[in-house]
Amino acid sequence: MHLDTPIMPGRVDWTGENPGILLKDDNDDFSAMALFFRVSWSPAGQGQLLLLYSDLQSDHGSASQPNALIGDNPQLADFLMENFIGKLGAFRQARPYDHLKYQPAFNIRSSGDPTSHRYTESISTSELFIELVWEDLEQPRMLELVPEQTGTKEHFMTTLLVPAKSAQIIVNGKALAGKIGSRIQAGMETTTAFLYFGETWVIPEG
């Protein structure tokens, strides 16, 4: 197939993986939120980062329900918080956002198979062991979104989406309360548990 415009105009902001899990309570309000990044390229370099809101009603959370920012590149953490996460309404407007303090990760690894039933990301610090678990994975969908369809409203975005029908956020061996819900992205119904691969964010020219 011939592409009329084989090169997307604009400036690449970052590219990599960006899976997430957003859990809801019985009132359909968010009860816990996790957003993970494995960045292959950005102006702040490569790296990995977890943003976790275990308790949306408090600034810092607790030992069993931490609100945490954990990664292996503090410059990348600053870059994503200012230029990306801070432009996502659900994360920026949450109470813990302004109180997050960066923590260095002891270990970060992925396991499972996104083409099969189960996929996980595991992140640990000296005091925390966090597992993000996606199960009942659906078939992949290729997305190409214009700025008004993205969370930032400022970028073009292309990505491979693998939705999950079941997911958990596990902190020190205990699953956080909540269940996944449904959401609409670019007119398509999907879930609040998702794997994004090859995700590339481009700032338009001008």
Foldseek 3Di string as FASTA:
>chain_A
DDDPDPDAAFAWAWWWKKWWFFFADPVRHTQKIKIKTQTCDHPQHTWIKIFIQNGLVDQAADLQRGGEIEIARVSVVVSCLPPPQCLQVVRVVGNNSVRYDYDYWPDWDKDDDLVDFKIWIWTHDPRKIKIKIFGQKDDKDWDWDDLVQDRNSFWTKTWIKIAGQWIFIAIPRRTRDGTKAWDAGPNDIGINGIITGGIITGGHDD
